[in-house]
Amino acid sequence: QTLAWLEVPVAQCYEEADQEIAALASEWQCPVLSDDSDFYIF
């Protein structure tokens, strides 16, 4: 709700979002912010 109120774009995946997050960051050439160690393998 706070992100919506601040008008931050939010996407919700059907399943785990790691692959979609990595794909979006790759497409946009920007970093990912996370402490999930799964992202070290992308």
Full PDB file with SEQRES, HELIX, SHEET, SSBOND, CRYST1, ORIGX, SCALE, CONECT and MASTER records, all heavy atoms in Angstrom:
SEQRES   1 A   42  GLN THR LEU ALA TRP LEU GLU VAL PRO VAL ALA GLN CYS          
SEQRES   2 A   42  TYR GLU GLU ALA ASP GLN GLU ILE ALA ALA LEU ALA SER          
SEQRES   3 A   42  GLU TRP GLN CYS PRO VAL LEU SER ASP ASP SER ASP PHE          
SEQRES   4 A   42  TYR ILE PHE                                                  
HELIX    1 AA1 THR A    2  TRP A    5  1                                   4    
HELIX    2 AA2 ASP A   18  TRP A   28  1                                  11    
HELIX    3 AA3 SER A   37  ILE A   41  5                                   5    
CRYST1    1.000    1.000    1.000  90.00  90.00  90.00 P 1           1          
ORIGX1      1.000000  0.000000  0.000000        0.00000                         
ORIGX2      0.000000  1.000000  0.000000        0.00000                         
ORIGX3      0.000000  0.000000  1.000000        0.00000                         
SCALE1      1.000000  0.000000  0.000000        0.00000                         
SCALE2      0.000000  1.000000  0.000000        0.00000                         
SCALE3      0.000000  0.000000  1.000000        0.00000                         
ATOM      1  N   GLN A   1       0.821  -1.207   0.000  1.00  0.00           N  
ATOM      2  CA  GLN A   1       0.000   0.000   0.000  1.00  0.00           C  
ATOM      3  C   GLN A   1       0.859   1.263   0.000  1.00  0.00           C  
ATOM      4  O   GLN A   1       0.528   2.238  -0.679  1.00  0.00           O  
ATOM      5  CB  GLN A   1      -0.945   0.016   1.202  1.00  0.00           C  
ATOM      6  CG  GLN A   1      -2.097  -0.943   1.067  1.00  0.00           C  
ATOM      7  CD  GLN A   1      -3.016  -0.910   2.272  1.00  0.00           C  
ATOM      8  OE1 GLN A   1      -2.637  -0.488   3.356  1.00  0.00           O  
ATOM      9  NE2 GLN A   1      -4.247  -1.385   2.082  1.00  0.00           N  
ATOM     10  N   THR A   2       1.944   1.253   0.738  1.00  0.00           N  
ATOM     11  CA  THR A   2       2.830   2.420   0.796  1.00  0.00           C  
ATOM     12  C   THR A   2       3.493   2.642  -0.560  1.00  0.00           C  
ATOM     13  O   THR A   2       3.579   3.780  -1.039  1.00  0.00           O  
ATOM     14  CB  THR A   2       3.884   2.263   1.903  1.00  0.00           C  
ATOM     15  OG1 THR A   2       3.211   2.014   3.140  1.00  0.00           O  
ATOM     16  CG2 THR A   2       4.741   3.499   2.023  1.00  0.00           C  
ATOM     17  N   LEU A   3       3.950   1.567  -1.201  1.00  0.00           N  
ATOM     18  CA  LEU A   3       4.538   1.711  -2.530  1.00  0.00           C  
ATOM     19  C   LEU A   3       3.514   2.253  -3.524  1.00  0.00           C  
ATOM     20  O   LEU A   3       3.841   3.116  -4.351  1.00  0.00           O  
ATOM     21  CB  LEU A   3       5.097   0.372  -3.017  1.00  0.00           C  
ATOM     22  CG  LEU A   3       6.301  -0.168  -2.243  1.00  0.00           C  
ATOM     23  CD1 LEU A   3       6.689  -1.544  -2.763  1.00  0.00           C  
ATOM     24  CD2 LEU A   3       7.481   0.793  -2.300  1.00  0.00           C  
ATOM     25  N   ALA A   4       2.272   1.785  -3.435  1.00  0.00           N  
ATOM     26  CA  ALA A   4       1.215   2.290  -4.325  1.00  0.00           C  
ATOM     27  C   ALA A   4       0.964   3.773  -4.062  1.00  0.00           C  
ATOM     28  O   ALA A   4       0.846   4.571  -5.005  1.00  0.00           O  
ATOM     29  CB  ALA A   4      -0.070   1.485  -4.130  1.00  0.00           C  
ATOM     30  N   TRP A   5       0.895   4.157  -2.800  1.00  0.00           N  
ATOM     31  CA  TRP A   5       0.666   5.552  -2.432  1.00  0.00           C  
ATOM     32  C   TRP A   5       1.799   6.454  -2.943  1.00  0.00           C  
ATOM     33  O   TRP A   5       1.575   7.582  -3.359  1.00  0.00           O  
ATOM     34  CB  TRP A   5       0.525   5.660  -0.916  1.00  0.00           C  
ATOM     35  CG  TRP A   5       0.223   7.039  -0.430  1.00  0.00           C  
ATOM     36  CD1 TRP A   5      -0.968   7.701  -0.500  1.00  0.00           C  
ATOM     37  CD2 TRP A   5       1.138   7.930   0.197  1.00  0.00           C  
ATOM     38  NE1 TRP A   5      -0.846   8.949   0.049  1.00  0.00           N  
ATOM     39  CE2 TRP A   5       0.445   9.122   0.496  1.00  0.00           C  
ATOM     40  CE3 TRP A   5       2.483   7.842   0.560  1.00  0.00           C  
ATOM     41  CZ2 TRP A   5       1.040  10.211   1.111  1.00  0.00           C  
ATOM     42  CZ3 TRP A   5       3.069   8.923   1.177  1.00  0.00           C  
ATOM     43  CH2 TRP A   5       2.346  10.091   1.444  1.00  0.00           C  
ATOM     44  N   LEU A   6       3.037   5.921  -2.926  1.00  0.00           N  
ATOM     45  CA  LEU A   6       4.196   6.664  -3.407  1.00  0.00           C  
ATOM     46  C   LEU A   6       4.375   6.574  -4.922  1.00  0.00           C  
ATOM     47  O   LEU A   6       5.332   7.109  -5.473  1.00  0.00           O  
ATOM     48  CB  LEU A   6       5.467   6.159  -2.713  1.00  0.00           C  
ATOM     49  CG  LEU A   6       5.534   6.395  -1.208  1.00  0.00           C  
ATOM     50  CD1 LEU A   6       6.699   5.621  -0.598  1.00  0.00           C  
ATOM     51  CD2 LEU A   6       5.659   7.879  -0.909  1.00  0.00           C  
ATOM     52  N   GLU A   7       3.464   5.850  -5.576  1.00  0.00           N  
ATOM     53  CA  GLU A   7       3.469   5.662  -7.032  1.00  0.00           C  
ATOM     54  C   GLU A   7       4.751   4.989  -7.523  1.00  0.00           C  
ATOM     55  O   GLU A   7       5.317   5.360  -8.552  1.00  0.00           O  
ATOM     56  CB  GLU A   7       3.219   6.984  -7.750  1.00  0.00           C  
ATOM     57  CG  GLU A   7       1.859   7.573  -7.405  1.00  0.00           C  
ATOM     58  CD  GLU A   7       1.574   8.902  -8.085  1.00  0.00           C  
ATOM     59  OE1 GLU A   7       2.494   9.505  -8.686  1.00  0.00           O  
ATOM     60  OE2 GLU A   7       0.407   9.333  -8.016  1.00  0.00           O  
ATOM     61  N   VAL A   8       5.197   4.001  -6.771  1.00  0.00           N  
ATOM     62  CA  VAL A   8       6.333   3.182  -7.178  1.00  0.00           C  
ATOM     63  C   VAL A   8       5.778   2.028  -8.012  1.00  0.00           C  
ATOM     64  O   VAL A   8       4.873   1.328  -7.559  1.00  0.00           O  
ATOM     65  CB  VAL A   8       7.087   2.622  -5.950  1.00  0.00           C  
ATOM     66  CG1 VAL A   8       8.183   1.642  -6.368  1.00  0.00           C  
ATOM     67  CG2 VAL A   8       7.658   3.758  -5.113  1.00  0.00           C  
ATOM     68  N   PRO A   9       6.298   1.831  -9.223  1.00  0.00           N  
ATOM     69  CA  PRO A   9       5.823   0.706 -10.025  1.00  0.00           C  
ATOM     70  C   PRO A   9       6.107  -0.629  -9.333  1.00  0.00           C  
ATOM     71  O   PRO A   9       7.230  -0.867  -8.880  1.00  0.00           O  
ATOM     72  CB  PRO A   9       6.622   0.809 -11.317  1.00  0.00           C  
ATOM     73  CG  PRO A   9       7.143   2.211 -11.349  1.00  0.00           C  
ATOM     74  CD  PRO A   9       7.297   2.632  -9.922  1.00  0.00           C  
ATOM     75  N   VAL A  10       5.077  -1.463  -9.235  1.00  0.00           N  
ATOM     76  CA  VAL A  10       5.185  -2.767  -8.587  1.00  0.00           C  
ATOM     77  C   VAL A  10       4.625  -3.827  -9.528  1.00  0.00           C  
ATOM     78  O   VAL A  10       3.545  -3.650 -10.096  1.00  0.00           O  
ATOM     79  CB  VAL A  10       4.411  -2.811  -7.246  1.00  0.00           C  
ATOM     80  CG1 VAL A  10       4.454  -4.200  -6.638  1.00  0.00           C  
ATOM     81  CG2 VAL A  10       4.953  -1.774  -6.274  1.00  0.00           C  
ATOM     82  N   ALA A  11       5.358  -4.912  -9.679  1.00  0.00           N  
ATOM     83  CA  ALA A  11       4.875  -6.065 -10.453  1.00  0.00           C  
ATOM     84  C   ALA A  11       4.872  -7.265  -9.518  1.00  0.00           C  
ATOM     85  O   ALA A  11       5.790  -7.437  -8.714  1.00  0.00           O  
ATOM     86  CB  ALA A  11       5.788  -6.329 -11.645  1.00  0.00           C  
ATOM     87  N   GLN A  12       3.831  -8.072  -9.625  1.00  0.00           N  
ATOM     88  CA  GLN A  12       3.767  -9.297  -8.828  1.00  0.00           C  
ATOM     89  C   GLN A  12       3.752 -10.478  -9.780  1.00  0.00           C  
ATOM     90  O   GLN A  12       2.920 -10.545 -10.684  1.00  0.00           O  
ATOM     91  CB  GLN A  12       2.514  -9.319  -7.956  1.00  0.00           C  
ATOM     92  CG  GLN A  12       2.386 -10.597  -7.161  1.00  0.00           C  
ATOM     93  CD  GLN A  12       2.078 -10.364  -5.700  1.00  0.00           C  
ATOM     94  OE1 GLN A  12       1.550  -9.341  -5.338  1.00  0.00           O  
ATOM     95  NE2 GLN A  12       2.409 -11.334  -4.878  1.00  0.00           N  
ATOM     96  N   CYS A  13       4.674 -11.403  -9.562  1.00  0.00           N  
ATOM     97  CA  CYS A  13       4.772 -12.585 -10.403  1.00  0.00           C  
ATOM     98  C   CYS A  13       3.816 -13.658  -9.896  1.00  0.00           C  
ATOM     99  O   CYS A  13       3.337 -13.598  -8.771  1.00  0.00           O  
ATOM    100  CB  CYS A  13       6.204 -13.116 -10.386  1.00  0.00           C  
ATOM    101  SG  CYS A  13       7.376 -11.956 -11.102  1.00  0.00           S  
ATOM    102  N   TYR A  14       3.561 -14.652 -10.731  1.00  0.00           N  
ATOM    103  CA  TYR A  14       2.722 -15.765 -10.313  1.00  0.00           C  
ATOM    104  C   TYR A  14       3.482 -16.694  -9.380  1.00  0.00           C  
ATOM    105  O   TYR A  14       2.913 -17.296  -8.489  1.00  0.00           O  
ATOM    106  CB  TYR A  14       2.234 -16.575 -11.516  1.00  0.00           C  
ATOM    107  CG  TYR A  14       1.215 -15.838 -12.341  1.00  0.00           C  
ATOM    108  CD1 TYR A  14       1.521 -15.399 -13.620  1.00  0.00           C  
ATOM    109  CD2 TYR A  14      -0.048 -15.555 -11.839  1.00  0.00           C  
ATOM    110  CE1 TYR A  14       0.586 -14.713 -14.371  1.00  0.00           C  
ATOM    111  CE2 TYR A  14      -0.989 -14.866 -12.574  1.00  0.00           C  
ATOM    112  CZ  TYR A  14      -0.661 -14.443 -13.852  1.00  0.00           C  
ATOM    113  OH  TYR A  14      -1.579 -13.762 -14.585  1.00  0.00           O  
ATOM    114  N   GLU A  15       4.771 -16.822  -9.643  1.00  0.00           N  
ATOM    115  CA  GLU A  15       5.620 -17.714  -8.856  1.00  0.00           C  
ATOM    116  C   GLU A  15       6.786 -16.914  -8.293  1.00  0.00           C  
ATOM    117  O   GLU A  15       6.700 -15.695  -8.166  1.00  0.00           O  
ATOM    118  CB  GLU A  15       6.133 -18.851  -9.752  1.00  0.00           C  
ATOM    119  CG  GLU A  15       5.025 -19.727 -10.300  1.00  0.00           C  
ATOM    120  CD  GLU A  15       5.543 -20.819 -11.214  1.00  0.00           C  
ATOM    121  OE1 GLU A  15       6.742 -21.129 -11.179  1.00  0.00           O  
ATOM    122  OE2 GLU A  15       4.739 -21.372 -11.968  1.00  0.00           O  
ATOM    123  N   GLU A  16       7.883 -17.585  -7.989  1.00  0.00           N  
ATOM    124  CA  GLU A  16       9.087 -16.901  -7.521  1.00  0.00           C  
ATOM    125  C   GLU A  16       9.563 -15.938  -8.606  1.00  0.00           C  
ATOM    126  O   GLU A  16       9.558 -16.265  -9.790  1.00  0.00           O  
ATOM    127  CB  GLU A  16      10.177 -17.937  -7.208  1.00  0.00           C  
ATOM    128  CG  GLU A  16      11.348 -17.344  -6.475  1.00  0.00           C  
ATOM    129  CD  GLU A  16      12.286 -18.393  -5.942  1.00  0.00           C  
ATOM    130  OE1 GLU A  16      11.877 -19.180  -5.071  1.00  0.00           O  
ATOM    131  OE2 GLU A  16      13.444 -18.400  -6.398  1.00  0.00           O  
ATOM    132  N   ALA A  17      10.007 -14.767  -8.208  1.00  0.00           N  
ATOM    133  CA  ALA A  17      10.281 -13.680  -9.153  1.00  0.00           C  
ATOM    134  C   ALA A  17      11.743 -13.546  -9.567  1.00  0.00           C  
ATOM    135  O   ALA A  17      12.066 -12.686 -10.388  1.00  0.00           O  
ATOM    136  CB  ALA A  17       9.805 -12.369  -8.549  1.00  0.00           C  
ATOM    137  N   ASP A  18      12.635 -14.375  -9.050  1.00  0.00           N  
ATOM    138  CA  ASP A  18      14.062 -14.179  -9.287  1.00  0.00           C  
ATOM    139  C   ASP A  18      14.424 -14.078 -10.772  1.00  0.00           C  
ATOM    140  O   ASP A  18      15.166 -13.181 -11.174  1.00  0.00           O  
ATOM    141  CB  ASP A  18      14.884 -15.290  -8.638  1.00  0.00           C  
ATOM    142  CG  ASP A  18      14.823 -15.266  -7.125  1.00  0.00           C  
ATOM    143  OD1 ASP A  18      14.177 -14.360  -6.563  1.00  0.00           O  
ATOM    144  OD2 ASP A  18      15.408 -16.163  -6.491  1.00  0.00           O  
ATOM    145  N   GLN A  19      13.918 -14.973 -11.582  1.00  0.00           N  
ATOM    146  CA  GLN A  19      14.264 -14.959 -13.004  1.00  0.00           C  
ATOM    147  C   GLN A  19      13.730 -13.708 -13.691  1.00  0.00           C  
ATOM    148  O   GLN A  19      14.408 -13.122 -14.539  1.00  0.00           O  
ATOM    149  CB  GLN A  19      13.749 -16.213 -13.706  1.00  0.00           C  
ATOM    150  CG  GLN A  19      14.542 -17.443 -13.331  1.00  0.00           C  
ATOM    151  CD  GLN A  19      14.108 -18.667 -14.111  1.00  0.00           C  
ATOM    152  OE1 GLN A  19      13.034 -18.711 -14.697  1.00  0.00           O  
ATOM    153  NE2 GLN A  19      14.961 -19.674 -14.124  1.00  0.00           N  
ATOM    154  N   GLU A  20      12.526 -13.296 -13.317  1.00  0.00           N  
ATOM    155  CA  GLU A  20      11.945 -12.099 -13.922  1.00  0.00           C  
ATOM    156  C   GLU A  20      12.707 -10.844 -13.504  1.00  0.00           C  
ATOM    157  O   GLU A  20      12.920  -9.931 -14.297  1.00  0.00           O  
ATOM    158  CB  GLU A  20      10.460 -11.972 -13.568  1.00  0.00           C  
ATOM    159  CG  GLU A  20       9.566 -12.933 -14.319  1.00  0.00           C  
ATOM    160  CD  GLU A  20       9.617 -14.371 -13.813  1.00  0.00           C  
ATOM    161  OE1 GLU A  20      10.260 -14.630 -12.763  1.00  0.00           O  
ATOM    162  OE2 GLU A  20       9.024 -15.239 -14.475  1.00  0.00           O  
ATOM    163  N   ILE A  21      13.121 -10.792 -12.239  1.00  0.00           N  
ATOM    164  CA  ILE A  21      13.908  -9.664 -11.743  1.00  0.00           C  
ATOM    165  C   ILE A  21      15.218  -9.578 -12.513  1.00  0.00           C  
ATOM    166  O   ILE A  21      15.611  -8.509 -12.995  1.00  0.00           O  
ATOM    167  CB  ILE A  21      14.167  -9.800 -10.226  1.00  0.00           C  
ATOM    168  CG1 ILE A  21      12.857  -9.605  -9.448  1.00  0.00           C  
ATOM    169  CG2 ILE A  21      15.240  -8.818  -9.766  1.00  0.00           C  
ATOM    170  CD1 ILE A  21      12.952  -9.980  -7.973  1.00  0.00           C  
ATOM    171  N   ALA A  22      15.906 -10.704 -12.651  1.00  0.00           N  
ATOM    172  CA  ALA A  22      17.183 -10.736 -13.374  1.00  0.00           C  
ATOM    173  C   ALA A  22      16.997 -10.357 -14.841  1.00  0.00           C  
ATOM    174  O   ALA A  22      17.806  -9.600 -15.399  1.00  0.00           O  
ATOM    175  CB  ALA A  22      17.823 -12.117 -13.250  1.00  0.00           C  
ATOM    176  N   ALA A  23      15.940 -10.849 -15.463  1.00  0.00           N  
ATOM    177  CA  ALA A  23      15.692 -10.538 -16.883  1.00  0.00           C  
ATOM    178  C   ALA A  23      15.405  -9.049 -17.072  1.00  0.00           C  
ATOM    179  O   ALA A  23      15.910  -8.429 -18.014  1.00  0.00           O  
ATOM    180  CB  ALA A  23      14.528 -11.372 -17.408  1.00  0.00           C  
ATOM    181  N   LEU A  24      14.614  -8.476 -16.179  1.00  0.00           N  
ATOM    182  CA  LEU A  24      14.285  -7.053 -16.279  1.00  0.00           C  
ATOM    183  C   LEU A  24      15.539  -6.188 -16.080  1.00  0.00           C  
ATOM    184  O   LEU A  24      15.785  -5.247 -16.842  1.00  0.00           O  
ATOM    185  CB  LEU A  24      13.225  -6.698 -15.233  1.00  0.00           C  
ATOM    186  CG  LEU A  24      12.604  -5.319 -15.297  1.00  0.00           C  
ATOM    187  CD1 LEU A  24      11.957  -5.064 -16.652  1.00  0.00           C  
ATOM    188  CD2 LEU A  24      11.574  -5.162 -14.185  1.00  0.00           C  
ATOM    189  N   ALA A  25      16.345  -6.525 -15.096  1.00  0.00           N  
ATOM    190  CA  ALA A  25      17.581  -5.778 -14.850  1.00  0.00           C  
ATOM    191  C   ALA A  25      18.541  -5.900 -16.033  1.00  0.00           C  
ATOM    192  O   ALA A  25      19.205  -4.928 -16.403  1.00  0.00           O  
ATOM    193  CB  ALA A  25      18.248  -6.267 -13.567  1.00  0.00           C  
ATOM    194  N   SER A  26      18.591  -7.066 -16.623  1.00  0.00           N  
ATOM    195  CA  SER A  26      19.446  -7.273 -17.789  1.00  0.00           C  
ATOM    196  C   SER A  26      18.951  -6.452 -18.975  1.00  0.00           C  
ATOM    197  O   SER A  26      19.736  -5.800 -19.666  1.00  0.00           O  
ATOM    198  CB  SER A  26      19.481  -8.763 -18.135  1.00  0.00           C  
ATOM    199  OG  SER A  26      20.336  -9.002 -19.218  1.00  0.00           O  
ATOM    200  N   GLU A  27      17.655  -6.468 -19.190  1.00  0.00           N  
ATOM    201  CA  GLU A  27      17.054  -5.700 -20.300  1.00  0.00           C  
ATOM    202  C   GLU A  27      17.293  -4.203 -20.126  1.00  0.00           C  
ATOM    203  O   GLU A  27      17.605  -3.499 -21.087  1.00  0.00           O  
ATOM    204  CB  GLU A  27      15.554  -5.987 -20.366  1.00  0.00           C  
ATOM    205  CG  GLU A  27      14.797  -5.210 -21.411  1.00  0.00           C  
ATOM    206  CD  GLU A  27      15.079  -5.640 -22.832  1.00  0.00           C  
ATOM    207  OE1 GLU A  27      15.479  -6.813 -23.045  1.00  0.00           O  
ATOM    208  OE2 GLU A  27      14.903  -4.813 -23.743  1.00  0.00           O  
ATOM    209  N   TRP A  28      17.144  -3.717 -18.919  1.00  0.00           N  
ATOM    210  CA  TRP A  28      17.300  -2.284 -18.645  1.00  0.00           C  
ATOM    211  C   TRP A  28      18.743  -1.882 -18.349  1.00  0.00           C  
ATOM    212  O   TRP A  28      19.021  -0.708 -18.138  1.00  0.00           O  
ATOM    213  CB  TRP A  28      16.415  -1.887 -17.465  1.00  0.00           C  
ATOM    214  CG  TRP A  28      14.967  -1.806 -17.801  1.00  0.00           C  
ATOM    215  CD1 TRP A  28      14.389  -1.811 -19.035  1.00  0.00           C  
ATOM    216  CD2 TRP A  28      13.896  -1.692 -16.862  1.00  0.00           C  
ATOM    217  NE1 TRP A  28      13.029  -1.707 -18.929  1.00  0.00           N  
ATOM    218  CE2 TRP A  28      12.696  -1.632 -17.602  1.00  0.00           C  
ATOM    219  CE3 TRP A  28      13.823  -1.640 -15.473  1.00  0.00           C  
ATOM    220  CZ2 TRP A  28      11.447  -1.522 -16.997  1.00  0.00           C  
ATOM    221  CZ3 TRP A  28      12.596  -1.522 -14.882  1.00  0.00           C  
ATOM    222  CH2 TRP A  28      11.411  -1.464 -15.633  1.00  0.00           C  
ATOM    223  N   GLN A  29      19.649  -2.874 -18.247  1.00  0.00           N  
ATOM    224  CA  GLN A  29      21.050  -2.594 -17.934  1.00  0.00           C  
ATOM    225  C   GLN A  29      21.193  -1.826 -16.618  1.00  0.00           C  
ATOM    226  O   GLN A  29      21.916  -0.835 -16.519  1.00  0.00           O  
ATOM    227  CB  GLN A  29      21.716  -1.814 -19.083  1.00  0.00           C  
ATOM    228  CG  GLN A  29      21.751  -2.571 -20.394  1.00  0.00           C  
ATOM    229  CD  GLN A  29      22.699  -3.759 -20.347  1.00  0.00           C  
ATOM    230  OE1 GLN A  29      23.883  -3.596 -20.086  1.00  0.00           O  
ATOM    231  NE2 GLN A  29      22.193  -4.950 -20.573  1.00  0.00           N  
ATOM    232  N   CYS A  30      20.467  -2.287 -15.613  1.00  0.00           N  
ATOM    233  CA  CYS A  30      20.531  -1.662 -14.293  1.00  0.00           C  
ATOM    234  C   CYS A  30      20.732  -2.764 -13.243  1.00  0.00           C  
ATOM    235  O   CYS A  30      20.491  -3.934 -13.516  1.00  0.00           O  
ATOM    236  CB  CYS A  30      19.266  -0.852 -14.008  1.00  0.00           C  
ATOM    237  SG  CYS A  30      17.772  -1.821 -13.792  1.00  0.00           S  
ATOM    238  N   PRO A  31      21.171  -2.397 -12.057  1.00  0.00           N  
ATOM    239  CA  PRO A  31      21.414  -3.412 -11.028  1.00  0.00           C  
ATOM    240  C   PRO A  31      20.138  -3.909 -10.350  1.00  0.00           C  
ATOM    241  O   PRO A  31      19.072  -3.319 -10.490  1.00  0.00           O  
ATOM    242  CB  PRO A  31      22.315  -2.696 -10.015  1.00  0.00           C  
ATOM    243  CG  PRO A  31      22.088  -1.259 -10.227  1.00  0.00           C  
ATOM    244  CD  PRO A  31      21.638  -1.075 -11.642  1.00  0.00           C  
ATOM    245  N   VAL A  32      20.308  -4.978  -9.595  1.00  0.00           N  
ATOM    246  CA  VAL A  32      19.264  -5.551  -8.754  1.00  0.00           C  
ATOM    247  C   VAL A  32      19.628  -5.228  -7.307  1.00  0.00           C  
ATOM    248  O   VAL A  32      20.798  -5.321  -6.922  1.00  0.00           O  
ATOM    249  CB  VAL A  32      19.175  -7.085  -8.944  1.00  0.00           C  
ATOM    250  CG1 VAL A  32      18.280  -7.724  -7.884  1.00  0.00           C  
ATOM    251  CG2 VAL A  32      18.698  -7.427 -10.337  1.00  0.00           C  
ATOM    252  N   LEU A  33      18.630  -4.868  -6.516  1.00  0.00           N  
ATOM    253  CA  LEU A  33      18.825  -4.649  -5.082  1.00  0.00           C  
ATOM    254  C   LEU A  33      18.192  -5.819  -4.342  1.00  0.00           C  
ATOM    255  O   LEU A  33      16.976  -6.005  -4.388  1.00  0.00           O  
ATOM    256  CB  LEU A  33      18.180  -3.329  -4.642  1.00  0.00           C  
ATOM    257  CG  LEU A  33      18.342  -2.973  -3.161  1.00  0.00           C  
ATOM    258  CD1 LEU A  33      19.804  -2.638  -2.856  1.00  0.00           C  
ATOM    259  CD2 LEU A  33      17.447  -1.797  -2.792  1.00  0.00           C  
ATOM    260  N   SER A  34      19.019  -6.616  -3.670  1.00  0.00           N  
ATOM    261  CA  SER A  34      18.521  -7.778  -2.929  1.00  0.00           C  
ATOM    262  C   SER A  34      19.631  -8.355  -2.060  1.00  0.00           C  
ATOM    263  O   SER A  34      20.812  -8.199  -2.385  1.00  0.00           O  
ATOM    264  CB  SER A  34      18.039  -8.861  -3.892  1.00  0.00           C  
ATOM    265  OG  SER A  34      17.562  -9.988  -3.187  1.00  0.00           O  
ATOM    266  N   ASP A  35      19.247  -9.029  -1.002  1.00  0.00           N  
ATOM    267  CA  ASP A  35      20.182  -9.804  -0.198  1.00  0.00           C  
ATOM    268  C   ASP A  35      20.032 -11.302  -0.478  1.00  0.00           C  
ATOM    269  O   ASP A  35      20.648 -12.122   0.197  1.00  0.00           O  
ATOM    270  CB  ASP A  35      19.962  -9.550   1.302  1.00  0.00           C  
ATOM    271  CG  ASP A  35      20.782  -8.381   1.816  1.00  0.00           C  
ATOM    272  OD1 ASP A  35      21.664  -7.891   1.095  1.00  0.00           O  
ATOM    273  OD2 ASP A  35      20.532  -7.944   2.957  1.00  0.00           O  
ATOM    274  N   ASP A  36      19.231 -11.662  -1.469  1.00  0.00           N  
ATOM    275  CA  ASP A  36      19.013 -13.065  -1.820  1.00  0.00           C  
ATOM    276  C   ASP A  36      20.224 -13.564  -2.606  1.00  0.00           C  
ATOM    277  O   ASP A  36      20.536 -13.055  -3.685  1.00  0.00           O  
ATOM    278  CB  ASP A  36      17.739 -13.188  -2.656  1.00  0.00           C  
ATOM    279  CG  ASP A  36      17.355 -14.616  -2.967  1.00  0.00           C  
ATOM    280  OD1 ASP A  36      18.212 -15.527  -2.867  1.00  0.00           O  
ATOM    281  OD2 ASP A  36      16.186 -14.844  -3.343  1.00  0.00           O  
ATOM    282  N   SER A  37      20.899 -14.558  -2.081  1.00  0.00           N  
ATOM    283  CA  SER A  37      22.116 -15.060  -2.729  1.00  0.00           C  
ATOM    284  C   SER A  37      21.841 -15.735  -4.073  1.00  0.00           C  
ATOM    285  O   SER A  37      22.778 -15.975  -4.832  1.00  0.00           O  
ATOM    286  CB  SER A  37      22.868 -16.012  -1.800  1.00  0.00           C  
ATOM    287  OG  SER A  37      22.070 -17.128  -1.468  1.00  0.00           O  
ATOM    288  N   ASP A  38      20.594 -16.008  -4.403  1.00  0.00           N  
ATOM    289  CA  ASP A  38      20.275 -16.542  -5.732  1.00  0.00           C  
ATOM    290  C   ASP A  38      20.772 -15.616  -6.834  1.00  0.00           C  
ATOM    291  O   ASP A  38      21.141 -16.066  -7.919  1.00  0.00           O  
ATOM    292  CB  ASP A  38      18.765 -16.730  -5.906  1.00  0.00           C  
ATOM    293  CG  ASP A  38      18.234 -17.980  -5.237  1.00  0.00           C  
ATOM    294  OD1 ASP A  38      19.043 -18.821  -4.798  1.00  0.00           O  
ATOM    295  OD2 ASP A  38      17.005 -18.117  -5.151  1.00  0.00           O  
ATOM    296  N   PHE A  39      20.797 -14.331  -6.572  1.00  0.00           N  
ATOM    297  CA  PHE A  39      21.170 -13.377  -7.619  1.00  0.00           C  
ATOM    298  C   PHE A  39      22.650 -13.405  -7.976  1.00  0.00           C  
ATOM    299  O   PHE A  39      23.046 -12.880  -9.007  1.00  0.00           O  
ATOM    300  CB  PHE A  39      20.705 -11.964  -7.256  1.00  0.00           C  
ATOM    301  CG  PHE A  39      19.216 -11.830  -7.346  1.00  0.00           C  
ATOM    302  CD1 PHE A  39      18.443 -11.811  -6.208  1.00  0.00           C  
ATOM    303  CD2 PHE A  39      18.577 -11.789  -8.576  1.00  0.00           C  
ATOM    304  CE1 PHE A  39      17.064 -11.723  -6.281  1.00  0.00           C  
ATOM    305  CE2 PHE A  39      17.198 -11.703  -8.665  1.00  0.00           C  
ATOM    306  CZ  PHE A  39      16.439 -11.666  -7.517  1.00  0.00           C  
ATOM    307  N   TYR A  40      23.474 -14.041  -7.151  1.00  0.00           N  
ATOM    308  CA  TYR A  40      24.888 -14.159  -7.491  1.00  0.00           C  
ATOM    309  C   TYR A  40      25.106 -15.105  -8.669  1.00  0.00           C  
ATOM    310  O   TYR A  40      26.158 -15.058  -9.302  1.00  0.00           O  
ATOM    311  CB  TYR A  40      25.703 -14.626  -6.284  1.00  0.00           C  
ATOM    312  CG  TYR A  40      25.855 -13.562  -5.233  1.00  0.00           C  
ATOM    313  CD1 TYR A  40      25.165 -13.645  -4.030  1.00  0.00           C  
ATOM    314  CD2 TYR A  40      26.687 -12.464  -5.433  1.00  0.00           C  
ATOM    315  CE1 TYR A  40      25.296 -12.668  -3.055  1.00  0.00           C  
ATOM    316  CE2 TYR A  40      26.824 -11.479  -4.470  1.00  0.00           C  
ATOM    317  CZ  TYR A  40      26.124 -11.589  -3.285  1.00  0.00           C  
ATOM    318  OH  TYR A  40      26.250 -10.621  -2.323  1.00  0.00           O  
ATOM    319  N   ILE A  41      24.152 -15.965  -8.947  1.00  0.00           N  
ATOM    320  CA  ILE A  41      24.338 -16.918 -10.038  1.00  0.00           C  
ATOM    321  C   ILE A  41      23.774 -16.414 -11.365  1.00  0.00           C  
ATOM    322  O   ILE A  41      23.993 -17.029 -12.392  1.00  0.00           O  
ATOM    323  CB  ILE A  41      23.727 -18.304  -9.701  1.00  0.00           C  
ATOM    324  CG1 ILE A  41      22.215 -18.212  -9.520  1.00  0.00           C  
ATOM    325  CG2 ILE A  41      24.400 -18.896  -8.470  1.00  0.00           C  
ATOM    326  CD1 ILE A  41      21.526 -19.554  -9.405  1.00  0.00           C  
ATOM    327  N   PHE A  42      23.076 -15.275 -11.353  1.00  0.00           N  
ATOM    328  CA  PHE A  42      22.556 -14.703 -12.585  1.00  0.00           C  
ATOM    329  C   PHE A  42      23.604 -13.809 -13.234  1.00  0.00           C  
ATOM    330  O   PHE A  42      24.416 -13.190 -12.548  1.00  0.00           O  
ATOM    331  CB  PHE A  42      21.291 -13.866 -12.317  1.00  0.00           C  
ATOM    332  CG  PHE A  42      20.073 -14.682 -12.002  1.00  0.00           C  
ATOM    333  CD1 PHE A  42      19.605 -14.768 -10.701  1.00  0.00           C  
ATOM    334  CD2 PHE A  42      19.383 -15.348 -13.002  1.00  0.00           C  
ATOM    335  CE1 PHE A  42      18.474 -15.508 -10.401  1.00  0.00           C  
ATOM    336  CE2 PHE A  42      18.255 -16.096 -12.709  1.00  0.00           C  
ATOM    337  CZ  PHE A  42      17.794 -16.175 -11.410  1.00  0.00           C  
TER     338      PHE A  42                                                      
MASTER        0    0    0    3    0    0    0    6  337    1    0    4          
END                                                                             
